[in-house]
Amino acid sequence: MKILLVYPQTQKRSNSLSTKIQKTFFNNTISTFQALGNVTPTEYSLKIMDERFEKINFEDDYDLIGISAMTYQASRAYAIADEFIKRGKQVVLGGWHPSAMPLEAKHHASAVVIGEGEEL
């Protein structure tokens, strides 16, 4: 099984001062994905992708896409999820926003994780 974990970008202008500050000081936001990677069985292929640093290739072949989002990222996370679902992929949404708004998030995902993903 091939799994992709996505951390969504929040804005389009990748050269803005805000994005440069995020890239410099807030890279620990992906630590949850690293924790998930540590508990993922080794027979699974896992890629962690931070959209602030690389572009999503929706054509890549993944069996499962996990997307984590805080409220300020929710609209981008939903757009990513919708695009993967349109292509027939299984999408799991998690993070603070989907945990707080699971019924909303479910409209954009195959499943929603409520709470800490690495504990589940």
Protein backbone atom coordinates (compact mmCIF):
# COMPACT_ATOMS: atom_id res chain seq x y z
CA MET A 1 0.00 0.00 0.00
CA LYS A 2 1.26 3.46 -0.93
CA ILE A 3 0.33 6.26 1.47
CA LEU A 4 0.73 10.01 0.97
CA LEU A 5 0.47 12.40 3.93
CA VAL A 6 -0.11 16.03 2.91
CA TYR A 7 0.37 19.21 4.90
CA PRO A 8 -1.49 21.94 2.94
CA GLN A 9 -0.14 25.32 2.00
CA THR A 10 -2.20 28.28 3.16
CA GLN A 11 -1.54 30.83 0.44
CA LYS A 12 -0.62 30.97 -3.22
CA ARG A 13 2.29 33.46 -3.13
CA SER A 14 5.25 31.27 -2.29
CA ASN A 15 7.67 34.22 -2.32
CA SER A 16 5.75 36.28 0.24
CA LEU A 17 7.40 37.28 3.51
CA SER A 18 4.82 35.24 5.47
CA THR A 19 5.68 32.07 3.54
CA LYS A 20 9.41 32.67 3.99
CA ILE A 21 8.86 33.05 7.74
CA GLN A 22 6.78 29.84 7.81
CA LYS A 23 9.47 27.92 5.94
CA THR A 24 12.14 29.21 8.29
CA PHE A 25 10.52 28.98 11.71
CA PHE A 26 7.48 26.71 11.60
CA ASN A 27 8.72 23.45 10.14
CA ASN A 28 7.75 21.49 13.28
CA THR A 29 4.13 21.40 12.07
CA ILE A 30 4.98 18.25 10.12
CA SER A 31 6.10 16.41 13.29
CA THR A 32 2.73 14.65 13.58
CA PHE A 33 3.34 13.08 10.19
CA GLN A 34 6.77 11.97 11.32
CA ALA A 35 5.17 10.35 14.38
CA LEU A 36 2.66 8.61 12.11
CA GLY A 37 5.54 7.40 9.97
CA ASN A 38 7.16 5.88 13.05
CA VAL A 39 4.07 3.78 13.81
CA THR A 40 3.34 2.79 10.19
CA PRO A 41 4.26 -0.82 9.42
CA THR A 42 7.37 -1.09 7.27
CA GLU A 43 5.57 -2.99 4.51
CA TYR A 44 3.71 0.24 3.61
CA SER A 45 5.29 2.88 1.41
CA LEU A 46 4.88 6.28 3.04
CA LYS A 47 5.60 9.74 1.62
CA ILE A 48 5.28 12.91 3.69
CA MET A 49 4.65 16.01 1.59
CA ASP A 50 4.64 19.60 2.78
CA GLU A 51 2.89 21.69 0.13
CA ARG A 52 4.78 24.78 1.28
CA PHE A 53 7.91 23.19 -0.21
CA GLU A 54 6.71 21.02 -3.08
CA LYS A 55 3.81 20.89 -5.50
CA ILE A 56 1.25 18.09 -5.28
CA ASN A 57 1.21 15.75 -8.26
CA PHE A 58 -2.37 14.48 -8.31
CA GLU A 59 -1.37 11.91 -10.95
CA ASP A 60 0.97 10.01 -8.60
CA ASP A 61 -0.27 6.55 -7.70
CA TYR A 62 -1.24 6.40 -4.01
CA ASP A 63 -3.73 4.07 -2.35
CA LEU A 64 -4.46 6.37 0.58
CA ILE A 65 -4.05 10.10 1.08
CA GLY A 66 -4.02 11.58 4.59
CA ILE A 67 -4.40 15.35 4.97
CA SER A 68 -4.00 17.25 8.21
CA ALA A 69 -5.42 20.75 8.58
CA MET A 70 -5.86 23.52 11.05
CA THR A 71 -8.82 25.87 10.52
CA TYR A 72 -6.86 28.41 8.48
CA GLN A 73 -5.90 25.57 6.09
CA ALA A 74 -9.32 23.91 5.86
CA SER A 75 -10.38 25.32 2.49
CA ARG A 76 -7.09 24.25 0.86
CA ALA A 77 -7.22 20.84 2.55
CA TYR A 78 -10.76 20.33 1.24
CA ALA A 79 -9.73 21.34 -2.28
CA ILE A 80 -6.85 18.83 -2.21
CA ALA A 81 -9.13 16.12 -0.83
CA ASP A 82 -11.82 16.82 -3.42
CA GLU A 83 -9.29 16.54 -6.24
CA PHE A 84 -7.98 13.19 -5.02
CA ILE A 85 -11.52 11.84 -4.48
CA LYS A 86 -12.45 12.96 -7.99
CA ARG A 87 -9.60 10.72 -9.16
CA GLY A 88 -10.97 7.73 -7.22
CA LYS A 89 -8.55 7.86 -4.26
CA GLN A 90 -9.32 7.16 -0.61
CA VAL A 91 -8.80 10.30 1.50
CA VAL A 92 -8.60 10.64 5.28
CA LEU A 93 -8.82 14.11 6.83
CA GLY A 94 -7.45 14.81 10.29
CA GLY A 95 -6.06 17.60 12.37
CA TRP A 96 -7.59 20.29 14.51
CA HIS A 97 -10.24 21.49 12.07
CA PRO A 98 -11.59 18.09 10.99
CA SER A 99 -11.60 17.03 14.66
CA ALA A 100 -13.69 20.08 15.57
CA MET A 101 -15.91 19.91 12.47
CA PRO A 102 -16.10 16.21 11.51
CA LEU A 103 -19.46 16.43 9.73
CA GLU A 104 -18.19 19.28 7.56
CA ALA A 105 -14.92 17.44 6.85
CA LYS A 106 -16.75 14.21 5.96
CA HIS A 107 -18.18 15.95 2.87
CA HIS A 108 -14.63 16.04 1.52
CA ALA A 109 -13.21 12.68 2.65
CA SER A 110 -13.64 8.94 2.74
CA ALA A 111 -13.01 9.08 6.51
CA VAL A 112 -12.25 11.62 9.24
CA VAL A 113 -9.85 11.10 12.14
CA ILE A 114 -10.97 12.79 15.35
CA GLY A 115 -8.23 13.36 17.89
CA GLU A 116 -4.55 12.48 17.82
CA GLY A 117 -3.76 10.39 14.75
CA GLU A 118 -0.67 8.71 16.14
CA GLU A 119 -2.65 7.48 19.16
CA LEU A 120 -5.37 6.01 16.97
